[in-house]
N, C-alpha and C. Protein backbone atom coordinates (compact mmCIF):
# COMPACT_ATOMS: atom_id res chain seq x y z
N MET A 1 13.04 69.84 -39.01
CA MET A 1 11.90 69.11 -39.48
C MET A 1 10.71 69.34 -38.54
N LEU A 2 10.94 69.30 -37.24
CA LEU A 2 9.86 69.53 -36.30
C LEU A 2 9.42 70.99 -36.30
N LYS A 3 10.33 71.90 -36.71
CA LYS A 3 9.99 73.32 -36.75
C LYS A 3 8.96 73.60 -37.84
N ASN A 4 8.98 72.79 -38.89
CA ASN A 4 8.09 73.02 -40.03
C ASN A 4 6.68 72.51 -39.78
N LEU A 5 6.48 71.65 -38.77
CA LEU A 5 5.17 71.08 -38.50
C LEU A 5 4.31 72.07 -37.73
N SER A 6 3.02 71.96 -37.94
CA SER A 6 2.09 72.83 -37.23
C SER A 6 1.89 72.31 -35.81
N LEU A 7 1.30 73.14 -34.97
CA LEU A 7 1.06 72.78 -33.57
C LEU A 7 0.12 71.59 -33.49
N LYS A 8 -0.88 71.54 -34.34
CA LYS A 8 -1.84 70.43 -34.36
C LYS A 8 -1.13 69.11 -34.73
N ALA A 9 -0.25 69.12 -35.67
CA ALA A 9 0.48 67.92 -36.09
C ALA A 9 1.42 67.46 -34.97
N LYS A 10 2.05 68.43 -34.27
CA LYS A 10 2.94 68.08 -33.15
C LYS A 10 2.15 67.40 -32.04
N LYS A 11 0.93 67.88 -31.76
CA LYS A 11 0.11 67.27 -30.72
C LYS A 11 -0.33 65.86 -31.13
N ILE A 12 -0.62 65.65 -32.38
CA ILE A 12 -1.01 64.31 -32.86
C ILE A 12 0.17 63.34 -32.74
N ILE A 13 1.36 63.77 -33.13
CA ILE A 13 2.55 62.93 -33.03
C ILE A 13 2.85 62.62 -31.57
N MET A 14 2.73 63.65 -30.71
CA MET A 14 2.97 63.44 -29.28
C MET A 14 1.95 62.45 -28.71
N GLY A 15 0.71 62.52 -29.12
CA GLY A 15 -0.32 61.57 -28.68
C GLY A 15 0.01 60.15 -29.09
N PHE A 16 0.42 59.97 -30.37
CA PHE A 16 0.80 58.63 -30.84
C PHE A 16 2.01 58.09 -30.07
N LEU A 17 2.99 58.96 -29.79
CA LEU A 17 4.17 58.52 -29.03
C LEU A 17 3.78 58.12 -27.60
N MET A 18 2.86 58.85 -26.98
CA MET A 18 2.41 58.51 -25.63
C MET A 18 1.66 57.18 -25.64
N VAL A 19 0.78 56.98 -26.62
CA VAL A 19 0.04 55.71 -26.72
C VAL A 19 1.01 54.56 -26.98
N PHE A 20 2.00 54.77 -27.85
CA PHE A 20 2.99 53.75 -28.14
C PHE A 20 3.82 53.43 -26.89
N THR A 21 4.20 54.44 -26.11
CA THR A 21 4.97 54.24 -24.88
C THR A 21 4.15 53.45 -23.86
N ILE A 22 2.88 53.80 -23.72
CA ILE A 22 2.01 53.07 -22.78
C ILE A 22 1.84 51.62 -23.24
N TYR A 23 1.65 51.39 -24.53
CA TYR A 23 1.52 50.03 -25.05
C TYR A 23 2.80 49.24 -24.82
N LEU A 24 3.93 49.86 -25.07
CA LEU A 24 5.22 49.20 -24.87
C LEU A 24 5.43 48.86 -23.40
N ALA A 25 5.07 49.76 -22.50
CA ALA A 25 5.20 49.48 -21.06
C ALA A 25 4.26 48.34 -20.66
N TYR A 26 3.07 48.30 -21.23
CA TYR A 26 2.12 47.22 -20.92
C TYR A 26 2.68 45.88 -21.37
N VAL A 27 3.17 45.81 -22.58
CA VAL A 27 3.67 44.55 -23.12
C VAL A 27 4.91 44.07 -22.36
N LEU A 28 5.81 44.98 -22.05
CA LEU A 28 7.08 44.59 -21.43
C LEU A 28 7.00 44.41 -19.92
N SER A 29 6.05 45.05 -19.24
CA SER A 29 6.05 44.99 -17.79
C SER A 29 4.70 44.66 -17.20
N PHE A 30 3.72 45.45 -17.47
CA PHE A 30 2.43 45.31 -16.79
C PHE A 30 1.73 43.99 -17.12
N LYS A 31 1.85 43.52 -18.35
CA LYS A 31 1.19 42.27 -18.75
C LYS A 31 1.71 41.11 -17.90
N LYS A 32 3.03 41.05 -17.71
CA LYS A 32 3.63 39.98 -16.91
C LYS A 32 3.26 40.11 -15.44
N ALA A 33 3.23 41.34 -14.94
CA ALA A 33 2.86 41.56 -13.54
C ALA A 33 1.40 41.16 -13.30
N ILE A 34 0.53 41.50 -14.21
CA ILE A 34 -0.89 41.15 -14.07
C ILE A 34 -1.07 39.63 -14.13
N SER A 35 -0.39 38.96 -15.04
CA SER A 35 -0.52 37.50 -15.12
C SER A 35 0.06 36.83 -13.88
N ALA A 36 1.15 37.36 -13.33
CA ALA A 36 1.72 36.80 -12.10
C ALA A 36 0.77 37.01 -10.93
N PHE A 37 0.13 38.17 -10.86
CA PHE A 37 -0.85 38.43 -9.80
C PHE A 37 -2.04 37.48 -9.92
N MET A 38 -2.51 37.24 -11.13
CA MET A 38 -3.65 36.32 -11.32
C MET A 38 -3.26 34.89 -10.95
N LEU A 39 -2.07 34.46 -11.32
CA LEU A 39 -1.60 33.12 -10.97
C LEU A 39 -1.45 32.98 -9.46
N HIS A 40 -0.94 34.00 -8.80
CA HIS A 40 -0.79 33.97 -7.35
C HIS A 40 -2.15 33.85 -6.67
N SER A 41 -3.11 34.62 -7.11
CA SER A 41 -4.44 34.54 -6.49
C SER A 41 -5.09 33.18 -6.76
N GLN A 42 -4.86 32.61 -7.93
CA GLN A 42 -5.42 31.29 -8.25
C GLN A 42 -4.78 30.22 -7.37
N LEU A 43 -3.47 30.28 -7.16
CA LEU A 43 -2.80 29.30 -6.31
C LEU A 43 -3.21 29.45 -4.85
N GLU A 44 -3.40 30.68 -4.39
CA GLU A 44 -3.88 30.89 -3.03
C GLU A 44 -5.27 30.30 -2.85
N GLN A 45 -6.13 30.49 -3.84
CA GLN A 45 -7.50 29.94 -3.78
C GLN A 45 -7.46 28.42 -3.76
N THR A 46 -6.57 27.82 -4.53
CA THR A 46 -6.42 26.37 -4.55
C THR A 46 -5.91 25.87 -3.20
N ALA A 47 -4.96 26.59 -2.61
CA ALA A 47 -4.42 26.20 -1.31
C ALA A 47 -5.49 26.33 -0.22
N ILE A 48 -6.32 27.35 -0.30
CA ILE A 48 -7.38 27.53 0.70
C ILE A 48 -8.40 26.40 0.61
N LEU A 49 -8.74 26.01 -0.59
CA LEU A 49 -9.72 24.94 -0.77
C LEU A 49 -9.13 23.57 -0.45
N GLY A 50 -7.81 23.48 -0.36
CA GLY A 50 -7.16 22.22 -0.01
C GLY A 50 -6.97 21.30 -1.20
N GLY A 51 -7.34 21.71 -2.35
CA GLY A 51 -7.18 20.87 -3.54
C GLY A 51 -5.83 21.08 -4.17
N GLU A 52 -5.50 20.18 -5.05
CA GLU A 52 -4.26 20.30 -5.78
C GLU A 52 -4.61 20.38 -7.26
N PRO A 53 -3.80 21.07 -8.03
CA PRO A 53 -4.06 21.10 -9.47
C PRO A 53 -4.00 19.70 -10.06
N ALA A 54 -4.69 19.48 -11.16
CA ALA A 54 -4.75 18.15 -11.78
C ALA A 54 -3.37 17.64 -12.16
N THR A 55 -2.47 18.53 -12.51
CA THR A 55 -1.12 18.10 -12.88
C THR A 55 -0.37 17.54 -11.67
N ALA A 56 -0.64 18.07 -10.48
CA ALA A 56 0.03 17.57 -9.28
C ALA A 56 -0.43 16.15 -8.96
N ILE A 57 -1.71 15.88 -9.15
CA ILE A 57 -2.23 14.54 -8.89
C ILE A 57 -1.62 13.53 -9.85
N ALA A 58 -1.52 13.90 -11.10
CA ALA A 58 -0.90 13.00 -12.08
C ALA A 58 0.57 12.75 -11.73
N GLN A 59 1.27 13.79 -11.30
CA GLN A 59 2.67 13.63 -10.90
C GLN A 59 2.78 12.71 -9.70
N LEU A 60 1.91 12.86 -8.71
CA LEU A 60 1.93 12.01 -7.53
C LEU A 60 1.65 10.55 -7.90
N GLU A 61 0.74 10.32 -8.82
CA GLU A 61 0.45 8.95 -9.25
C GLU A 61 1.65 8.33 -9.95
N ARG A 62 2.34 9.10 -10.77
CA ARG A 62 3.55 8.59 -11.44
C ARG A 62 4.63 8.26 -10.41
N GLU A 63 4.82 9.15 -9.42
CA GLU A 63 5.81 8.89 -8.37
C GLU A 63 5.44 7.66 -7.56
N HIS A 64 4.15 7.50 -7.25
CA HIS A 64 3.70 6.34 -6.49
C HIS A 64 4.00 5.05 -7.25
N GLY A 65 3.69 5.03 -8.55
CA GLY A 65 3.99 3.85 -9.35
C GLY A 65 5.47 3.55 -9.41
N PHE A 66 6.29 4.60 -9.54
CA PHE A 66 7.73 4.41 -9.59
C PHE A 66 8.25 3.83 -8.28
N TYR A 67 7.84 4.42 -7.14
CA TYR A 67 8.34 3.95 -5.86
C TYR A 67 7.83 2.55 -5.54
N LEU A 68 6.64 2.21 -5.99
CA LEU A 68 6.13 0.87 -5.77
C LEU A 68 6.96 -0.14 -6.57
N SER A 69 7.34 0.22 -7.80
CA SER A 69 8.17 -0.69 -8.59
C SER A 69 9.57 -0.82 -7.97
N VAL A 70 10.11 0.27 -7.43
CA VAL A 70 11.41 0.19 -6.77
C VAL A 70 11.33 -0.68 -5.54
N LEU A 71 10.25 -0.52 -4.78
CA LEU A 71 10.07 -1.31 -3.57
C LEU A 71 9.96 -2.80 -3.89
N LYS A 72 9.29 -3.12 -4.98
CA LYS A 72 9.15 -4.53 -5.36
C LYS A 72 10.48 -5.14 -5.82
N ALA A 73 11.44 -4.29 -6.20
CA ALA A 73 12.75 -4.80 -6.62
C ALA A 73 13.54 -5.34 -5.44
N TYR A 74 13.22 -4.92 -4.22
CA TYR A 74 13.91 -5.41 -3.03
C TYR A 74 13.17 -6.63 -2.51
N ARG A 75 13.59 -7.80 -2.93
CA ARG A 75 12.92 -9.04 -2.55
C ARG A 75 13.70 -9.74 -1.45
N VAL A 76 12.97 -10.35 -0.52
CA VAL A 76 13.59 -11.16 0.52
C VAL A 76 12.90 -12.51 0.53
N LYS A 77 13.62 -13.53 0.97
CA LYS A 77 13.05 -14.87 1.01
C LYS A 77 12.12 -15.00 2.20
N ALA A 78 10.99 -15.66 2.00
CA ALA A 78 9.97 -15.78 3.05
C ALA A 78 10.40 -16.74 4.15
N ASP A 79 11.19 -17.76 3.80
CA ASP A 79 11.57 -18.75 4.80
C ASP A 79 12.54 -18.14 5.81
N GLU A 80 12.12 -18.14 7.06
CA GLU A 80 12.88 -17.63 8.19
C GLU A 80 13.32 -16.17 7.97
N ARG A 81 12.48 -15.40 7.31
CA ARG A 81 12.81 -14.01 7.01
C ARG A 81 13.00 -13.19 8.28
N GLU A 82 12.09 -13.35 9.23
CA GLU A 82 12.17 -12.55 10.45
C GLU A 82 13.43 -12.87 11.26
N ASN A 83 13.78 -14.15 11.36
CA ASN A 83 14.98 -14.51 12.10
C ASN A 83 16.25 -13.97 11.43
N ARG A 84 16.32 -14.14 10.10
CA ARG A 84 17.49 -13.63 9.38
C ARG A 84 17.57 -12.12 9.46
N LEU A 85 16.43 -11.47 9.34
CA LEU A 85 16.40 -10.02 9.41
C LEU A 85 16.82 -9.53 10.78
N TRP A 86 16.27 -10.15 11.82
CA TRP A 86 16.61 -9.76 13.19
C TRP A 86 18.10 -9.97 13.45
N GLN A 87 18.63 -11.11 13.01
CA GLN A 87 20.04 -11.39 13.22
C GLN A 87 20.92 -10.38 12.47
N SER A 88 20.54 -10.07 11.25
CA SER A 88 21.34 -9.13 10.46
C SER A 88 21.34 -7.74 11.08
N VAL A 89 20.14 -7.24 11.39
CA VAL A 89 20.03 -5.88 11.90
C VAL A 89 20.62 -5.77 13.31
N SER A 90 20.37 -6.77 14.15
CA SER A 90 20.94 -6.69 15.50
C SER A 90 22.46 -6.82 15.47
N GLY A 91 22.99 -7.60 14.54
CA GLY A 91 24.44 -7.68 14.37
C GLY A 91 25.03 -6.34 13.96
N MET A 92 24.33 -5.64 13.05
CA MET A 92 24.79 -4.31 12.65
C MET A 92 24.73 -3.34 13.82
N ALA A 93 23.68 -3.45 14.63
CA ALA A 93 23.53 -2.56 15.79
C ALA A 93 24.64 -2.80 16.80
N ILE A 94 24.95 -4.06 17.05
CA ILE A 94 26.02 -4.38 18.01
C ILE A 94 27.36 -3.88 17.48
N ALA A 95 27.58 -4.04 16.17
CA ALA A 95 28.84 -3.61 15.59
C ALA A 95 29.03 -2.09 15.67
N THR A 96 27.94 -1.35 15.62
CA THR A 96 28.05 0.12 15.70
C THR A 96 27.86 0.65 17.11
N GLY A 97 27.56 -0.21 18.07
CA GLY A 97 27.48 0.20 19.47
C GLY A 97 26.18 0.88 19.86
N VAL A 98 25.05 0.43 19.30
CA VAL A 98 23.75 0.98 19.69
C VAL A 98 22.86 -0.15 20.18
N SER A 99 21.83 0.18 20.97
CA SER A 99 20.88 -0.84 21.41
C SER A 99 19.68 -0.83 20.48
N ILE A 100 18.94 -1.96 20.42
CA ILE A 100 17.90 -2.17 19.42
C ILE A 100 16.65 -2.72 20.06
N SER A 101 15.49 -2.38 19.46
CA SER A 101 14.22 -3.04 19.78
C SER A 101 13.48 -3.25 18.47
N PHE A 102 12.55 -4.20 18.45
CA PHE A 102 11.92 -4.64 17.20
C PHE A 102 10.43 -4.82 17.40
N SER A 103 9.63 -4.39 16.41
CA SER A 103 8.19 -4.68 16.43
C SER A 103 7.74 -4.91 14.99
N PRO A 104 7.35 -6.15 14.65
CA PRO A 104 6.93 -6.41 13.27
C PRO A 104 5.60 -5.73 12.98
N GLU A 105 5.46 -5.25 11.76
CA GLU A 105 4.23 -4.60 11.33
C GLU A 105 3.58 -5.42 10.24
N ASP A 106 2.32 -5.71 10.40
CA ASP A 106 1.57 -6.38 9.35
C ASP A 106 1.05 -5.32 8.40
N ILE A 107 1.21 -5.54 7.10
CA ILE A 107 0.80 -4.53 6.12
C ILE A 107 -0.70 -4.27 6.17
N LYS A 108 -1.50 -5.27 6.52
CA LYS A 108 -2.95 -5.06 6.56
C LYS A 108 -3.37 -4.22 7.75
N GLY A 109 -2.60 -4.22 8.80
CA GLY A 109 -2.93 -3.46 9.99
C GLY A 109 -2.48 -2.02 9.94
N MET A 110 -1.76 -1.65 8.90
CA MET A 110 -1.24 -0.29 8.81
C MET A 110 -2.29 0.67 8.29
N LEU A 111 -2.21 1.91 8.70
CA LEU A 111 -3.11 2.93 8.20
C LEU A 111 -2.56 3.56 6.93
N ASP A 112 -1.32 3.27 6.59
CA ASP A 112 -0.69 3.81 5.41
C ASP A 112 -1.28 3.15 4.18
N THR A 113 -2.00 3.91 3.36
CA THR A 113 -2.65 3.35 2.18
C THR A 113 -1.80 3.48 0.93
N SER A 114 -0.58 3.98 1.07
CA SER A 114 0.26 4.16 -0.11
C SER A 114 0.77 2.83 -0.65
N VAL A 115 0.83 1.81 0.17
CA VAL A 115 1.27 0.49 -0.27
C VAL A 115 0.07 -0.44 -0.19
N VAL A 116 -0.39 -0.92 -1.33
CA VAL A 116 -1.58 -1.75 -1.34
C VAL A 116 -1.29 -3.20 -1.64
N ASP A 117 -0.09 -3.53 -1.99
CA ASP A 117 0.28 -4.89 -2.33
C ASP A 117 0.50 -5.69 -1.05
N SER A 118 -0.20 -6.81 -0.90
CA SER A 118 -0.11 -7.59 0.34
C SER A 118 1.19 -8.38 0.44
N SER A 119 1.97 -8.46 -0.63
CA SER A 119 3.23 -9.19 -0.56
C SER A 119 4.36 -8.33 -0.02
N ILE A 120 4.12 -7.05 0.20
CA ILE A 120 5.14 -6.16 0.74
C ILE A 120 5.09 -6.22 2.26
N VAL A 121 6.25 -6.46 2.86
CA VAL A 121 6.36 -6.61 4.30
C VAL A 121 7.12 -5.42 4.86
N LEU A 122 6.62 -4.85 5.95
CA LEU A 122 7.28 -3.74 6.62
C LEU A 122 7.68 -4.16 8.02
N ASP A 123 8.88 -3.83 8.43
CA ASP A 123 9.36 -4.10 9.77
C ASP A 123 9.89 -2.80 10.36
N ARG A 124 9.58 -2.57 11.62
CA ARG A 124 10.00 -1.35 12.29
C ARG A 124 11.03 -1.69 13.36
N PHE A 125 12.10 -0.93 13.38
CA PHE A 125 13.14 -1.10 14.37
C PHE A 125 13.38 0.23 15.07
N SER A 126 13.70 0.18 16.35
CA SER A 126 14.08 1.37 17.12
C SER A 126 15.47 1.14 17.70
N PHE A 127 16.32 2.12 17.55
CA PHE A 127 17.69 2.05 18.05
C PHE A 127 17.92 3.24 18.97
N SER A 128 18.75 3.05 19.97
CA SER A 128 19.13 4.17 20.83
C SER A 128 20.63 4.13 21.03
N GLY A 129 21.21 5.31 21.07
CA GLY A 129 22.65 5.43 21.24
C GLY A 129 23.11 6.82 20.88
N GLY A 130 24.39 6.97 20.66
CA GLY A 130 24.97 8.26 20.29
C GLY A 130 24.65 8.61 18.84
N TYR A 131 24.68 9.89 18.53
CA TYR A 131 24.32 10.35 17.18
C TYR A 131 25.24 9.75 16.12
N ALA A 132 26.53 9.80 16.35
CA ALA A 132 27.48 9.28 15.36
C ALA A 132 27.26 7.79 15.13
N ASN A 133 27.00 7.03 16.21
CA ASN A 133 26.75 5.60 16.07
C ASN A 133 25.45 5.33 15.32
N LEU A 134 24.43 6.14 15.58
CA LEU A 134 23.15 5.95 14.89
C LEU A 134 23.29 6.24 13.40
N VAL A 135 24.06 7.25 13.04
CA VAL A 135 24.27 7.57 11.63
C VAL A 135 25.08 6.47 10.96
N LYS A 136 26.09 5.93 11.64
CA LYS A 136 26.86 4.81 11.10
C LYS A 136 25.96 3.61 10.86
N LEU A 137 25.06 3.34 11.82
CA LEU A 137 24.13 2.22 11.67
C LEU A 137 23.20 2.44 10.48
N LEU A 138 22.70 3.64 10.34
CA LEU A 138 21.81 3.95 9.22
C LEU A 138 22.51 3.74 7.89
N ASP A 139 23.76 4.14 7.81
CA ASP A 139 24.55 3.93 6.60
C ASP A 139 24.77 2.45 6.35
N THR A 140 25.07 1.69 7.40
CA THR A 140 25.29 0.26 7.26
C THR A 140 24.03 -0.45 6.80
N VAL A 141 22.88 -0.10 7.39
CA VAL A 141 21.62 -0.75 7.01
C VAL A 141 21.26 -0.40 5.57
N SER A 142 21.51 0.82 5.15
CA SER A 142 21.17 1.21 3.78
C SER A 142 22.01 0.47 2.75
N LYS A 143 23.22 0.07 3.11
CA LYS A 143 24.10 -0.64 2.18
C LYS A 143 23.93 -2.15 2.24
N ALA A 144 23.22 -2.67 3.24
CA ALA A 144 23.07 -4.12 3.41
C ALA A 144 22.18 -4.70 2.32
N LYS A 145 22.51 -5.89 1.88
CA LYS A 145 21.74 -6.59 0.85
C LYS A 145 20.85 -7.65 1.49
N GLY A 146 19.67 -7.87 0.93
CA GLY A 146 18.81 -8.96 1.35
C GLY A 146 17.93 -8.69 2.55
N ILE A 147 17.94 -7.47 3.08
CA ILE A 147 17.06 -7.18 4.22
C ILE A 147 15.95 -6.21 3.83
N GLY A 148 15.97 -5.69 2.63
CA GLY A 148 14.95 -4.75 2.17
C GLY A 148 15.52 -3.36 2.03
N ARG A 149 14.61 -2.42 1.84
CA ARG A 149 14.98 -1.03 1.63
C ARG A 149 14.46 -0.19 2.78
N ILE A 150 15.16 0.86 3.14
CA ILE A 150 14.70 1.74 4.21
C ILE A 150 13.55 2.57 3.67
N ALA A 151 12.35 2.33 4.22
CA ALA A 151 11.17 3.07 3.79
C ALA A 151 11.07 4.41 4.48
N SER A 152 11.50 4.49 5.74
CA SER A 152 11.52 5.76 6.45
C SER A 152 12.53 5.69 7.58
N ALA A 153 13.06 6.83 7.95
CA ALA A 153 14.01 6.94 9.06
C ALA A 153 13.74 8.24 9.79
N LYS A 154 13.77 8.17 11.12
CA LYS A 154 13.51 9.37 11.92
C LYS A 154 14.41 9.33 13.16
N ILE A 155 15.12 10.43 13.37
CA ILE A 155 15.97 10.56 14.55
C ILE A 155 15.34 11.61 15.45
N GLY A 156 15.19 11.27 16.73
CA GLY A 156 14.61 12.21 17.69
C GLY A 156 14.99 11.81 19.10
N THR A 157 14.49 12.57 20.06
CA THR A 157 14.76 12.26 21.45
C THR A 157 13.48 11.80 22.12
N GLU A 158 13.63 10.93 23.09
CA GLU A 158 12.53 10.45 23.90
C GLU A 158 12.95 10.46 25.35
N ALA A 159 11.98 10.60 26.21
CA ALA A 159 12.28 10.60 27.64
C ALA A 159 12.39 9.16 28.13
N SER A 160 13.44 8.87 28.85
CA SER A 160 13.67 7.55 29.41
C SER A 160 13.61 7.65 30.92
N THR A 161 12.75 6.84 31.55
CA THR A 161 12.63 6.87 33.01
C THR A 161 13.47 5.74 33.58
N GLY A 162 14.71 6.03 33.83
CA GLY A 162 15.63 5.06 34.42
C GLY A 162 15.85 5.41 35.88
N GLY A 163 15.13 4.72 36.78
CA GLY A 163 15.25 5.03 38.21
C GLY A 163 14.41 6.25 38.56
N THR A 164 14.98 7.17 39.30
CA THR A 164 14.23 8.35 39.74
C THR A 164 14.41 9.53 38.79
N GLU A 165 15.45 9.53 37.98
CA GLU A 165 15.72 10.64 37.08
C GLU A 165 15.14 10.37 35.70
N GLU A 166 14.61 11.43 35.10
CA GLU A 166 14.14 11.33 33.72
C GLU A 166 15.26 11.82 32.82
N LYS A 167 15.61 11.03 31.82
CA LYS A 167 16.76 11.31 30.99
C LYS A 167 16.33 11.30 29.52
N LYS A 168 16.88 12.20 28.71
CA LYS A 168 16.60 12.25 27.28
C LYS A 168 17.54 11.28 26.56
N VAL A 169 16.96 10.44 25.69
CA VAL A 169 17.73 9.45 24.95
C VAL A 169 17.50 9.69 23.47
N LEU A 170 18.57 9.61 22.67
CA LEU A 170 18.48 9.78 21.23
C LEU A 170 18.01 8.47 20.60
N ILE A 171 16.93 8.54 19.81
CA ILE A 171 16.30 7.35 19.23
C ILE A 171 16.32 7.47 17.70
N LEU A 172 16.63 6.38 17.03
CA LEU A 172 16.51 6.26 15.58
C LEU A 172 15.45 5.22 15.29
N LYS A 173 14.41 5.61 14.55
CA LYS A 173 13.35 4.66 14.17
C LYS A 173 13.41 4.51 12.65
N ILE A 174 13.52 3.26 12.21
CA ILE A 174 13.53 3.00 10.79
C ILE A 174 12.48 1.96 10.45
N ARG A 175 12.00 2.03 9.21
CA ARG A 175 11.09 1.00 8.69
C ARG A 175 11.76 0.39 7.47
N LEU A 176 11.87 -0.91 7.47
CA LEU A 176 12.42 -1.64 6.33
C LEU A 176 11.26 -2.24 5.56
N ALA A 177 11.28 -2.10 4.25
CA ALA A 177 10.22 -2.62 3.39
C ALA A 177 10.84 -3.49 2.31
N ALA A 178 10.16 -4.59 2.01
CA ALA A 178 10.61 -5.49 0.95
C ALA A 178 9.43 -6.33 0.50
N GLU A 179 9.57 -6.93 -0.67
CA GLU A 179 8.55 -7.85 -1.16
C GLU A 179 8.97 -9.26 -0.84
N GLU A 180 8.06 -10.04 -0.25
CA GLU A 180 8.35 -11.43 0.09
C GLU A 180 8.22 -12.31 -1.14
N ARG A 181 9.13 -13.25 -1.25
CA ARG A 181 9.04 -14.23 -2.36
C ARG A 181 8.45 -15.50 -1.83
């Protein structure tokens, strides 16, 4: 069949096949690569400007509303709240073999603007001890009822000046958050 065609017809068919091959390669490969390159450059430009896409802001607002509703579900009684809280947490610390320190935080004095409800109370505790004991304490506090929810937890080392030697001590800092009734 190809033997019967003239040279001019063969060149025209070859041209159409080349154009079709280029179009097919564009659709199957190059189009996706070009769109990925454009998306990458757009995201880099957004990151450089420090802005976030509008969808990210909406997602963050939904998460904020969800976490605020979860936080409000953890209610504690206002009467003698600090004494009960201190007794509960210090009892857990003694049971797990760690030492404790306490500093109450007023919500109005905090720089954290993520919580705007004045009925939410935050308390900060610092514990020092062995890693296994600190993890046991964290597990115990997370399972305890009536003291609030763990808003943040951080384990790190701090320098302790005991006498003439400087010693590294393992510290666990947690923040408990709850809504006062």
